[in-house]
């Protein structure tokens, strides 16, 4: 059952005045709603989100040195001082030895380097004890210019095969630009 409320005038609680409602919304379109430009958005606003993801995509290595995973997410910051939130998720990681993973960043095509502040266990620690576990990391990159940024997990193992993404698992690498 639907209800309707019909009125021409609303009176304020104190009774000191009225609020006219006659045709206040008639003729409104989505074009009449004010839109903020990126420059008008307040600090902390999400400016853009980029994600690369896949299901059933095995990514593995037998290397004992860090090697590129081939999973790359690219973003071009809108502002030189933006904060980029980097989120990695893999539904299942596996290693025959010790697994190591670090997010690397390529700034403006200058080659890949470890993200600032990253260390050996940047993306977690996988051993025979916690095999078949999900893998997740949330880190951030402070921009100093608007050069294109490419983020990519790099992985290694101490022995055997390390799977950043196990067969039949899924992953997502998500980049979110926040206005500073």
N, C-alpha and C. Protein backbone atom coordinates (compact mmCIF):
# COMPACT_ATOMS: atom_id res chain seq x y z
N UNK A 1 0.84 -1.16 0.00
CA UNK A 1 0.00 0.00 0.00
C UNK A 1 0.89 1.24 0.00
N UNK A 2 0.60 2.18 -0.87
CA UNK A 2 1.35 3.44 -0.92
C UNK A 2 0.59 4.54 -0.21
N UNK A 3 1.38 5.43 0.36
CA UNK A 3 0.79 6.59 1.05
C UNK A 3 1.24 7.85 0.36
N UNK A 4 0.40 8.87 0.43
CA UNK A 4 0.74 10.17 -0.13
C UNK A 4 0.55 11.21 0.94
N UNK A 5 1.44 12.17 0.95
CA UNK A 5 1.31 13.32 1.83
C UNK A 5 1.19 14.52 0.93
N UNK A 6 0.08 15.21 1.04
CA UNK A 6 -0.14 16.39 0.21
C UNK A 6 -0.25 17.59 1.13
N UNK A 7 0.54 18.62 0.81
CA UNK A 7 0.48 19.86 1.58
C UNK A 7 0.97 21.01 0.71
N UNK A 8 0.49 22.19 0.99
CA UNK A 8 0.95 23.38 0.29
C UNK A 8 1.95 24.15 1.14
N UNK A 9 1.82 24.06 2.46
CA UNK A 9 2.67 24.84 3.35
C UNK A 9 3.04 24.00 4.56
N UNK A 10 4.32 24.07 4.97
CA UNK A 10 4.77 23.48 6.22
C UNK A 10 5.08 24.62 7.17
N UNK A 11 4.68 24.48 8.41
CA UNK A 11 4.96 25.51 9.41
C UNK A 11 6.15 25.07 10.24
N UNK A 12 7.00 26.02 10.62
CA UNK A 12 8.16 25.71 11.44
C UNK A 12 7.69 25.25 12.81
N UNK A 13 8.54 24.54 13.55
CA UNK A 13 8.20 24.01 14.86
C UNK A 13 7.79 25.12 15.82
N UNK A 14 8.49 26.25 15.78
CA UNK A 14 8.17 27.36 16.69
C UNK A 14 6.94 28.14 16.26
N UNK A 15 6.46 27.90 15.06
CA UNK A 15 5.30 28.61 14.56
C UNK A 15 5.64 30.00 14.05
N UNK A 16 6.94 30.29 13.93
CA UNK A 16 7.35 31.64 13.54
C UNK A 16 7.38 31.86 12.04
N UNK A 17 7.15 30.85 11.28
CA UNK A 17 7.18 31.04 9.84
C UNK A 17 6.72 29.79 9.12
N UNK A 18 6.69 29.86 7.80
CA UNK A 18 6.28 28.73 7.00
C UNK A 18 7.36 28.41 5.98
N UNK A 19 7.30 27.20 5.48
CA UNK A 19 8.22 26.74 4.46
C UNK A 19 7.40 26.39 3.23
N UNK A 20 7.54 27.15 2.17
CA UNK A 20 6.76 26.90 0.96
C UNK A 20 7.37 25.76 0.17
N UNK A 21 6.56 24.84 -0.27
CA UNK A 21 7.04 23.69 -1.03
C UNK A 21 6.50 23.65 -2.45
N UNK A 22 5.70 24.57 -2.85
CA UNK A 22 5.04 24.52 -4.14
C UNK A 22 6.05 24.39 -5.27
N UNK A 23 5.99 23.29 -5.98
CA UNK A 23 6.79 23.03 -7.18
C UNK A 23 8.30 23.19 -6.98
N UNK A 24 8.82 22.86 -5.80
CA UNK A 24 10.25 23.01 -5.53
C UNK A 24 11.10 22.06 -6.38
N UNK A 25 10.58 20.92 -6.72
CA UNK A 25 11.37 19.94 -7.47
C UNK A 25 10.96 19.84 -8.93
N UNK A 26 9.93 20.53 -9.33
CA UNK A 26 9.49 20.40 -10.72
C UNK A 26 10.53 21.01 -11.65
N UNK A 27 10.79 20.36 -12.72
CA UNK A 27 11.74 20.84 -13.71
C UNK A 27 13.19 20.52 -13.39
N UNK A 28 13.47 19.90 -12.23
CA UNK A 28 14.85 19.55 -11.91
C UNK A 28 15.31 18.37 -12.77
N UNK A 29 16.52 18.45 -13.23
CA UNK A 29 17.13 17.35 -13.98
C UNK A 29 18.49 17.07 -13.36
N UNK A 30 19.12 16.00 -13.79
CA UNK A 30 20.46 15.69 -13.28
C UNK A 30 21.43 16.80 -13.66
N UNK A 31 21.15 17.53 -14.74
CA UNK A 31 22.01 18.62 -15.16
C UNK A 31 21.93 19.81 -14.22
N UNK A 32 20.85 19.91 -13.45
CA UNK A 32 20.73 21.06 -12.55
C UNK A 32 21.36 20.80 -11.19
N UNK A 33 21.84 19.59 -10.94
CA UNK A 33 22.55 19.28 -9.70
C UNK A 33 23.99 19.75 -9.87
N UNK A 34 24.49 20.57 -8.94
CA UNK A 34 25.85 21.09 -9.11
C UNK A 34 26.89 19.96 -8.98
N UNK A 35 27.84 19.95 -9.88
CA UNK A 35 28.92 18.97 -9.86
C UNK A 35 30.21 19.66 -9.47
N UNK A 36 31.00 19.01 -8.63
CA UNK A 36 32.28 19.56 -8.24
C UNK A 36 33.35 19.14 -9.23
N UNK A 37 34.22 20.06 -9.57
CA UNK A 37 35.39 19.70 -10.36
C UNK A 37 36.43 19.11 -9.41
N UNK A 38 37.45 18.48 -9.94
CA UNK A 38 38.51 17.92 -9.09
C UNK A 38 39.14 19.01 -8.22
N UNK A 39 39.28 20.21 -8.77
CA UNK A 39 39.88 21.32 -8.03
C UNK A 39 39.01 21.75 -6.85
N UNK A 40 37.69 21.57 -6.95
CA UNK A 40 36.77 21.98 -5.89
C UNK A 40 36.58 20.91 -4.83
N UNK A 41 37.02 19.69 -5.11
CA UNK A 41 36.82 18.60 -4.15
C UNK A 41 37.70 18.81 -2.93
N UNK A 42 37.19 18.50 -1.74
CA UNK A 42 37.97 18.72 -0.52
C UNK A 42 39.08 17.68 -0.34
N UNK A 43 40.04 18.03 0.52
CA UNK A 43 41.11 17.11 0.88
C UNK A 43 40.49 15.82 1.41
N UNK A 44 41.04 14.69 1.03
CA UNK A 44 40.51 13.39 1.45
C UNK A 44 39.57 12.77 0.44
N UNK A 45 39.23 13.50 -0.61
CA UNK A 45 38.33 12.98 -1.65
C UNK A 45 39.03 11.93 -2.50
N UNK A 46 38.27 10.93 -2.92
CA UNK A 46 38.78 9.94 -3.87
C UNK A 46 38.69 10.54 -5.26
N UNK A 47 39.83 10.63 -5.94
CA UNK A 47 39.87 11.23 -7.27
C UNK A 47 39.71 10.18 -8.37
N UNK A 48 40.30 9.00 -8.16
CA UNK A 48 40.17 7.93 -9.15
C UNK A 48 40.57 6.60 -8.51
N UNK A 49 40.03 5.52 -9.07
CA UNK A 49 40.34 4.17 -8.63
C UNK A 49 40.64 3.34 -9.87
N UNK A 50 41.74 2.60 -9.82
CA UNK A 50 42.15 1.71 -10.92
C UNK A 50 42.35 0.32 -10.34
N UNK A 51 41.87 -0.70 -11.04
CA UNK A 51 42.06 -2.06 -10.54
C UNK A 51 42.37 -3.01 -11.69
N UNK A 52 43.29 -3.91 -11.43
CA UNK A 52 43.52 -5.03 -12.33
C UNK A 52 43.25 -6.29 -11.52
N UNK A 53 42.50 -7.23 -12.09
CA UNK A 53 42.15 -8.44 -11.36
C UNK A 53 41.94 -9.59 -12.33
N UNK A 54 41.97 -10.79 -11.77
CA UNK A 54 41.76 -11.98 -12.60
C UNK A 54 41.34 -13.14 -11.71
N UNK A 55 40.68 -14.09 -12.31
CA UNK A 55 40.31 -15.34 -11.64
C UNK A 55 41.02 -16.46 -12.38
N UNK A 56 41.44 -17.46 -11.65
CA UNK A 56 42.10 -18.63 -12.23
C UNK A 56 43.35 -18.27 -13.03
N UNK A 57 44.17 -17.42 -12.45
CA UNK A 57 45.41 -17.01 -13.12
C UNK A 57 46.59 -17.33 -12.23
N UNK A 58 47.30 -18.40 -12.54
CA UNK A 58 48.45 -18.80 -11.72
C UNK A 58 49.63 -17.87 -11.97
N UNK A 59 50.25 -17.41 -10.88
CA UNK A 59 51.46 -16.61 -10.96
C UNK A 59 52.45 -17.25 -10.00
N UNK A 60 53.55 -17.77 -10.52
CA UNK A 60 54.49 -18.48 -9.66
C UNK A 60 55.93 -18.27 -10.11
N UNK A 61 56.87 -18.66 -9.22
CA UNK A 61 58.30 -18.57 -9.53
C UNK A 61 59.08 -19.62 -8.76
N UNK A 62 60.24 -19.96 -9.28
CA UNK A 62 61.21 -20.80 -8.55
C UNK A 62 62.46 -19.99 -8.24
N UNK A 63 62.43 -18.69 -8.54
CA UNK A 63 63.58 -17.82 -8.35
C UNK A 63 63.82 -17.52 -6.87
N UNK A 64 65.09 -17.48 -6.48
CA UNK A 64 65.45 -17.09 -5.12
C UNK A 64 65.75 -15.59 -5.02
N UNK A 65 65.63 -14.89 -6.14
CA UNK A 65 65.74 -13.42 -6.17
C UNK A 65 64.38 -12.87 -6.60
N UNK A 66 64.08 -11.64 -6.22
CA UNK A 66 62.80 -11.05 -6.59
C UNK A 66 62.65 -10.95 -8.10
N UNK A 67 61.49 -11.43 -8.60
CA UNK A 67 61.17 -11.34 -10.02
C UNK A 67 59.78 -10.74 -10.18
N UNK A 68 59.58 -10.07 -11.30
CA UNK A 68 58.31 -9.42 -11.59
C UNK A 68 57.20 -10.46 -11.75
N UNK A 69 56.04 -10.15 -11.21
CA UNK A 69 54.89 -11.07 -11.31
C UNK A 69 54.16 -10.91 -12.64
N UNK A 70 54.31 -9.76 -13.29
CA UNK A 70 53.57 -9.48 -14.51
C UNK A 70 52.20 -8.88 -14.25
N UNK A 71 51.83 -8.73 -12.98
CA UNK A 71 50.56 -8.11 -12.61
C UNK A 71 50.84 -6.63 -12.37
N UNK A 72 50.31 -5.77 -13.24
CA UNK A 72 50.62 -4.34 -13.18
C UNK A 72 49.33 -3.53 -13.17
N UNK A 73 49.29 -2.56 -12.26
CA UNK A 73 48.21 -1.57 -12.25
C UNK A 73 48.86 -0.21 -12.46
N UNK A 74 48.26 0.59 -13.34
CA UNK A 74 48.83 1.88 -13.74
C UNK A 74 47.88 3.02 -13.41
N UNK A 75 48.43 4.10 -12.89
CA UNK A 75 47.63 5.29 -12.58
C UNK A 75 48.48 6.53 -12.87
N UNK A 76 47.84 7.56 -13.39
CA UNK A 76 48.49 8.85 -13.58
C UNK A 76 47.82 9.82 -12.60
N UNK A 77 48.55 10.24 -11.57
CA UNK A 77 47.96 11.12 -10.55
C UNK A 77 47.47 12.44 -11.15
N UNK A 78 46.39 12.94 -10.61
CA UNK A 78 45.85 14.22 -11.06
C UNK A 78 46.56 15.39 -10.38
N UNK A 79 47.16 15.15 -9.22
CA UNK A 79 47.88 16.18 -8.48
C UNK A 79 49.25 15.66 -8.06
N UNK A 80 50.23 16.56 -8.00
CA UNK A 80 51.61 16.20 -7.66
C UNK A 80 51.76 15.75 -6.21
N UNK A 81 50.83 16.12 -5.34
CA UNK A 81 50.95 15.74 -3.93
C UNK A 81 49.92 14.70 -3.49
N UNK A 82 49.29 14.04 -4.43
CA UNK A 82 48.26 13.04 -4.11
C UNK A 82 48.86 11.86 -3.34
N UNK A 83 48.00 11.19 -2.61
CA UNK A 83 48.36 9.96 -1.92
C UNK A 83 47.74 8.81 -2.71
N UNK A 84 48.55 7.80 -3.05
CA UNK A 84 48.05 6.62 -3.76
C UNK A 84 47.98 5.47 -2.76
N UNK A 85 46.78 4.96 -2.53
CA UNK A 85 46.61 3.78 -1.68
C UNK A 85 46.73 2.55 -2.59
N UNK A 86 47.61 1.63 -2.21
CA UNK A 86 47.87 0.43 -3.00
C UNK A 86 47.38 -0.77 -2.20
N UNK A 87 46.46 -1.51 -2.77
CA UNK A 87 45.89 -2.67 -2.09
C UNK A 87 46.08 -3.92 -2.95
N UNK A 88 46.69 -4.95 -2.38
CA UNK A 88 46.89 -6.23 -3.06
C UNK A 88 46.11 -7.31 -2.31
N UNK A 89 45.40 -8.15 -3.05
CA UNK A 89 44.69 -9.29 -2.48
C UNK A 89 44.87 -10.50 -3.39
N UNK A 90 45.24 -11.61 -2.80
CA UNK A 90 45.25 -12.89 -3.50
C UNK A 90 44.49 -13.87 -2.64
N UNK A 91 43.53 -14.56 -3.22
CA UNK A 91 42.69 -15.45 -2.42
C UNK A 91 43.46 -16.68 -1.92
N UNK A 92 44.58 -17.03 -2.59
CA UNK A 92 45.38 -18.15 -2.12
C UNK A 92 46.82 -18.03 -2.62
N UNK A 93 47.75 -18.07 -1.65
CA UNK A 93 49.18 -18.07 -1.95
C UNK A 93 49.75 -19.37 -1.43
N UNK A 94 50.80 -19.86 -2.07
CA UNK A 94 51.39 -21.14 -1.67
C UNK A 94 52.89 -21.10 -1.93
N UNK A 95 53.66 -21.77 -1.08
CA UNK A 95 55.10 -21.85 -1.31
C UNK A 95 55.65 -23.19 -0.84
N UNK A 96 56.56 -23.75 -1.64
CA UNK A 96 57.27 -24.96 -1.25
C UNK A 96 58.38 -24.65 -0.26
N UNK A 97 58.83 -23.40 -0.23
CA UNK A 97 59.83 -22.92 0.72
C UNK A 97 59.29 -21.66 1.36
N UNK A 98 60.15 -20.74 1.68
CA UNK A 98 59.70 -19.45 2.21
C UNK A 98 59.33 -18.54 1.05
N UNK A 99 58.17 -17.91 1.14
CA UNK A 99 57.68 -16.99 0.13
C UNK A 99 57.97 -15.56 0.57
N UNK A 100 58.46 -14.75 -0.36
CA UNK A 100 58.65 -13.33 -0.10
C UNK A 100 58.00 -12.53 -1.21
N UNK A 101 57.37 -11.43 -0.85
CA UNK A 101 56.74 -10.58 -1.85
C UNK A 101 56.85 -9.12 -1.46
N UNK A 102 57.14 -8.27 -2.43
CA UNK A 102 57.25 -6.83 -2.22
C UNK A 102 56.57 -6.13 -3.40
N UNK A 103 55.85 -5.04 -3.10
CA UNK A 103 55.29 -4.22 -4.17
C UNK A 103 56.39 -3.28 -4.66
N UNK A 104 56.60 -3.29 -5.96
CA UNK A 104 57.56 -2.39 -6.59
C UNK A 104 56.79 -1.32 -7.34
N UNK A 105 57.41 -0.15 -7.55
CA UNK A 105 56.77 0.94 -8.28
C UNK A 105 57.73 1.46 -9.35
N UNK A 106 57.17 1.78 -10.50
CA UNK A 106 57.90 2.40 -11.61
C UNK A 106 57.31 3.80 -11.77
N UNK A 107 58.14 4.82 -11.54
CA UNK A 107 57.68 6.21 -11.60
C UNK A 107 58.13 6.83 -12.91
N UNK A 108 57.18 7.14 -13.78
CA UNK A 108 57.48 7.82 -15.03
C UNK A 108 58.39 7.05 -15.97
N UNK A 109 58.36 5.72 -15.91
CA UNK A 109 59.16 4.90 -16.81
C UNK A 109 60.62 4.76 -16.41
N UNK A 110 60.96 5.12 -15.17
CA UNK A 110 62.36 5.10 -14.72
C UNK A 110 62.81 3.74 -14.21
N UNK A 111 62.02 2.71 -14.38
CA UNK A 111 62.39 1.37 -13.90
C UNK A 111 61.74 1.08 -12.56
N UNK A 112 61.61 -0.21 -12.25
CA UNK A 112 60.94 -0.64 -11.02
C UNK A 112 61.90 -0.63 -9.84
N UNK A 113 61.40 -0.12 -8.71
CA UNK A 113 62.13 -0.12 -7.45
C UNK A 113 61.16 -0.47 -6.33
N UNK A 114 61.70 -1.04 -5.24
CA UNK A 114 60.86 -1.34 -4.09
C UNK A 114 60.17 -0.07 -3.62
N UNK A 115 58.92 -0.22 -3.18
CA UNK A 115 58.23 0.93 -2.61
C UNK A 115 58.98 1.40 -1.37
N UNK A 116 58.96 2.70 -1.13
CA UNK A 116 59.61 3.26 0.05
C UNK A 116 59.05 2.59 1.31
N UNK A 117 59.94 2.22 2.21
CA UNK A 117 59.52 1.61 3.47
C UNK A 117 59.23 0.13 3.41
N UNK A 118 59.33 -0.50 2.23
CA UNK A 118 59.04 -1.94 2.14
C UNK A 118 60.24 -2.74 2.63
N UNK A 119 59.94 -3.95 3.10
CA UNK A 119 61.00 -4.84 3.58
C UNK A 119 60.67 -6.27 3.19
N UNK A 120 61.42 -7.21 3.71
CA UNK A 120 61.31 -8.62 3.34
C UNK A 120 59.89 -9.16 3.43
N UNK A 121 59.14 -8.77 4.45
CA UNK A 121 57.80 -9.33 4.65
C UNK A 121 56.70 -8.35 4.27
N UNK A 122 56.98 -7.48 3.30
CA UNK A 122 56.05 -6.46 2.84
C UNK A 122 54.68 -7.05 2.50
N UNK A 123 54.66 -8.17 1.83
CA UNK A 123 53.41 -8.80 1.42
C UNK A 123 53.10 -10.06 2.24
N UNK A 124 53.80 -10.25 3.34
CA UNK A 124 53.51 -11.40 4.18
C UNK A 124 54.64 -12.41 4.22
N UNK A 125 54.38 -13.48 4.92
CA UNK A 125 55.36 -14.54 5.15
C UNK A 125 54.64 -15.87 5.01
N UNK A 126 54.98 -16.63 3.99
CA UNK A 126 54.32 -17.91 3.73
C UNK A 126 55.36 -19.02 3.90
N UNK A 127 55.02 -20.04 4.68
CA UNK A 127 55.88 -21.20 4.88
C UNK A 127 55.02 -22.45 4.73
N UNK A 128 55.63 -23.61 4.96
CA UNK A 128 54.89 -24.86 4.90
C UNK A 128 53.80 -24.91 5.97
N UNK A 129 53.96 -24.12 7.05
CA UNK A 129 52.98 -24.10 8.13
C UNK A 129 51.70 -23.39 7.71
N UNK A 130 51.82 -22.29 6.96
CA UNK A 130 50.62 -21.54 6.58
C UNK A 130 50.39 -21.54 5.07
N UNK A 131 50.72 -22.66 4.42
CA UNK A 131 50.44 -22.80 2.98
C UNK A 131 48.94 -22.64 2.72
N UNK A 132 48.63 -22.32 1.50
CA UNK A 132 47.25 -22.16 1.06
C UNK A 132 46.52 -21.08 1.86
N UNK A 133 47.20 -19.98 2.08
CA UNK A 133 46.57 -18.89 2.82
C UNK A 133 46.36 -17.68 1.91
N UNK A 134 45.39 -16.83 2.24
CA UNK A 134 45.22 -15.60 1.47
C UNK A 134 46.40 -14.66 1.72
N UNK A 135 46.59 -13.74 0.82
CA UNK A 135 47.71 -12.80 0.91
C UNK A 135 47.16 -11.40 0.66
N UNK A 136 47.45 -10.47 1.58
CA UNK A 136 46.89 -9.12 1.47
C UNK A 136 47.88 -8.10 2.00
N UNK A 137 47.93 -6.95 1.34
CA UNK A 137 48.72 -5.82 1.85
C UNK A 137 48.04 -4.52 1.43
N UNK A 138 48.02 -3.55 2.34
CA UNK A 138 47.56 -2.19 2.06
C UNK A 138 48.72 -1.27 2.40
N UNK A 139 49.24 -0.57 1.40
CA UNK A 139 50.34 0.36 1.60
C UNK A 139 50.03 1.64 0.84
N UNK A 140 50.87 2.65 1.01
CA UNK A 140 50.61 3.92 0.34
C UNK A 140 51.87 4.49 -0.28
N UNK A 141 51.65 5.28 -1.32
CA UNK A 141 52.73 5.96 -2.03
C UNK A 141 52.40 7.45 -2.06
N UNK A 142 53.31 8.29 -1.57
CA UNK A 142 53.11 9.73 -1.60
C UNK A 142 53.70 10.27 -2.90
N UNK A 143 52.86 10.87 -3.73
CA UNK A 143 53.32 11.43 -5.00
C UNK A 143 54.14 12.70 -4.78
N UNK A 144 55.08 12.94 -5.67
CA UNK A 144 55.84 14.19 -5.68
C UNK A 144 55.71 14.88 -7.04
N UNK A 145 55.03 14.21 -7.98
CA UNK A 145 54.77 14.79 -9.30
C UNK A 145 53.59 14.03 -9.92
N UNK A 146 53.26 14.36 -11.16
CA UNK A 146 52.13 13.69 -11.82
C UNK A 146 52.59 12.67 -12.85
N UNK A 147 53.80 12.15 -12.68
CA UNK A 147 54.29 11.11 -13.59
C UNK A 147 53.46 9.84 -13.43
N UNK A 148 53.29 9.11 -14.51
CA UNK A 148 52.56 7.85 -14.48
C UNK A 148 53.25 6.86 -13.54
N UNK A 149 52.44 6.16 -12.75
CA UNK A 149 52.94 5.19 -11.78
C UNK A 149 52.47 3.79 -12.17
N UNK A 150 53.39 2.84 -12.18
CA UNK A 150 53.07 1.44 -12.42
C UNK A 150 53.45 0.67 -11.16
N UNK A 151 52.50 -0.05 -10.58
CA UNK A 151 52.75 -0.85 -9.38
C UNK A 151 52.69 -2.32 -9.77
N UNK A 152 53.60 -3.12 -9.19
CA UNK A 152 53.67 -4.54 -9.54
C UNK A 152 54.25 -5.34 -8.38
N UNK A 153 53.61 -6.43 -7.99
CA UNK A 153 54.21 -7.32 -6.99
C UNK A 153 55.42 -8.06 -7.58
N UNK A 154 56.47 -8.17 -6.79
CA UNK A 154 57.63 -8.99 -7.12
C UNK A 154 57.69 -10.10 -6.08
N UNK A 155 58.09 -11.31 -6.50
CA UNK A 155 58.08 -12.43 -5.58
C UNK A 155 59.37 -13.24 -5.70
N UNK A 156 59.63 -14.03 -4.64
CA UNK A 156 60.76 -14.97 -4.64
C UNK A 156 60.44 -16.10 -3.68
N UNK A 157 61.28 -17.14 -3.70
CA UNK A 157 61.16 -18.26 -2.78
C UNK A 157 62.56 -18.69 -2.36
N UNK A 158 62.66 -19.41 -1.24
CA UNK A 158 63.96 -19.93 -0.83
C UNK A 158 64.23 -21.28 -1.47
N UNK A 159 63.15 -22.01 -1.80
CA UNK A 159 63.29 -23.31 -2.46
C UNK A 159 61.94 -23.72 -3.03
N UNK A 160 61.96 -24.60 -4.01
CA UNK A 160 60.72 -25.06 -4.60
C UNK A 160 60.05 -23.98 -5.42
N UNK A 161 58.73 -24.02 -5.43
CA UNK A 161 57.94 -23.06 -6.20
C UNK A 161 57.09 -22.22 -5.26
N UNK A 162 57.09 -20.93 -5.50
CA UNK A 162 56.21 -20.02 -4.75
C UNK A 162 55.13 -19.53 -5.70
N UNK A 163 53.89 -19.62 -5.24
CA UNK A 163 52.75 -19.15 -6.02
C UNK A 163 52.21 -17.87 -5.38
N UNK A 164 52.34 -16.75 -6.06
CA UNK A 164 51.71 -15.51 -5.60
C UNK A 164 50.20 -15.65 -5.75
N UNK A 165 49.79 -16.26 -6.83
CA UNK A 165 48.39 -16.61 -7.06
C UNK A 165 48.37 -18.09 -7.42
N UNK A 166 47.80 -18.88 -6.55
CA UNK A 166 47.73 -20.32 -6.75
C UNK A 166 46.75 -20.64 -7.88
N UNK A 167 46.94 -21.76 -8.60
CA UNK A 167 45.98 -22.14 -9.64
C UNK A 167 44.55 -22.17 -9.07
N UNK A 168 43.61 -21.69 -9.81
CA UNK A 168 42.19 -21.61 -9.45
C UNK A 168 41.88 -20.56 -8.38
N UNK A 169 42.85 -19.71 -8.06
CA UNK A 169 42.62 -18.61 -7.12
C UNK A 169 42.41 -17.32 -7.90
N UNK A 170 42.24 -16.23 -7.20
CA UNK A 170 42.04 -14.94 -7.86
C UNK A 170 42.90 -13.88 -7.19
N UNK A 171 43.05 -12.74 -7.87
CA UNK A 171 43.80 -11.63 -7.30
C UNK A 171 43.19 -10.30 -7.72
N UNK A 172 43.56 -9.24 -6.99
CA UNK A 172 43.19 -7.87 -7.36
C UNK A 172 44.29 -6.94 -6.85
N UNK A 173 44.73 -6.06 -7.73
CA UNK A 173 45.67 -4.99 -7.39
C UNK A 173 44.92 -3.69 -7.65
N UNK A 174 44.66 -2.93 -6.56
CA UNK A 174 43.81 -1.75 -6.64
C UNK A 174 44.59 -0.51 -6.23
N UNK A 175 44.47 0.55 -7.02
CA UNK A 175 45.11 1.84 -6.75
C UNK A 175 44.02 2.89 -6.57
N UNK A 176 44.10 3.66 -5.49
CA UNK A 176 43.12 4.70 -5.20
C UNK A 176 43.86 6.01 -4.97
N UNK A 177 43.53 7.03 -5.77
CA UNK A 177 44.16 8.35 -5.59
C UNK A 177 43.30 9.17 -4.63
N UNK A 178 43.96 9.70 -3.58
CA UNK A 178 43.31 10.53 -2.59
C UNK A 178 43.88 11.95 -2.67
N UNK A 179 43.00 12.93 -2.71
CA UNK A 179 43.45 14.34 -2.78
C UNK A 179 44.02 14.75 -1.43
N UNK A 180 45.18 15.41 -1.47
CA UNK A 180 45.86 15.89 -0.25
C UNK A 180 45.78 17.40 -0.17
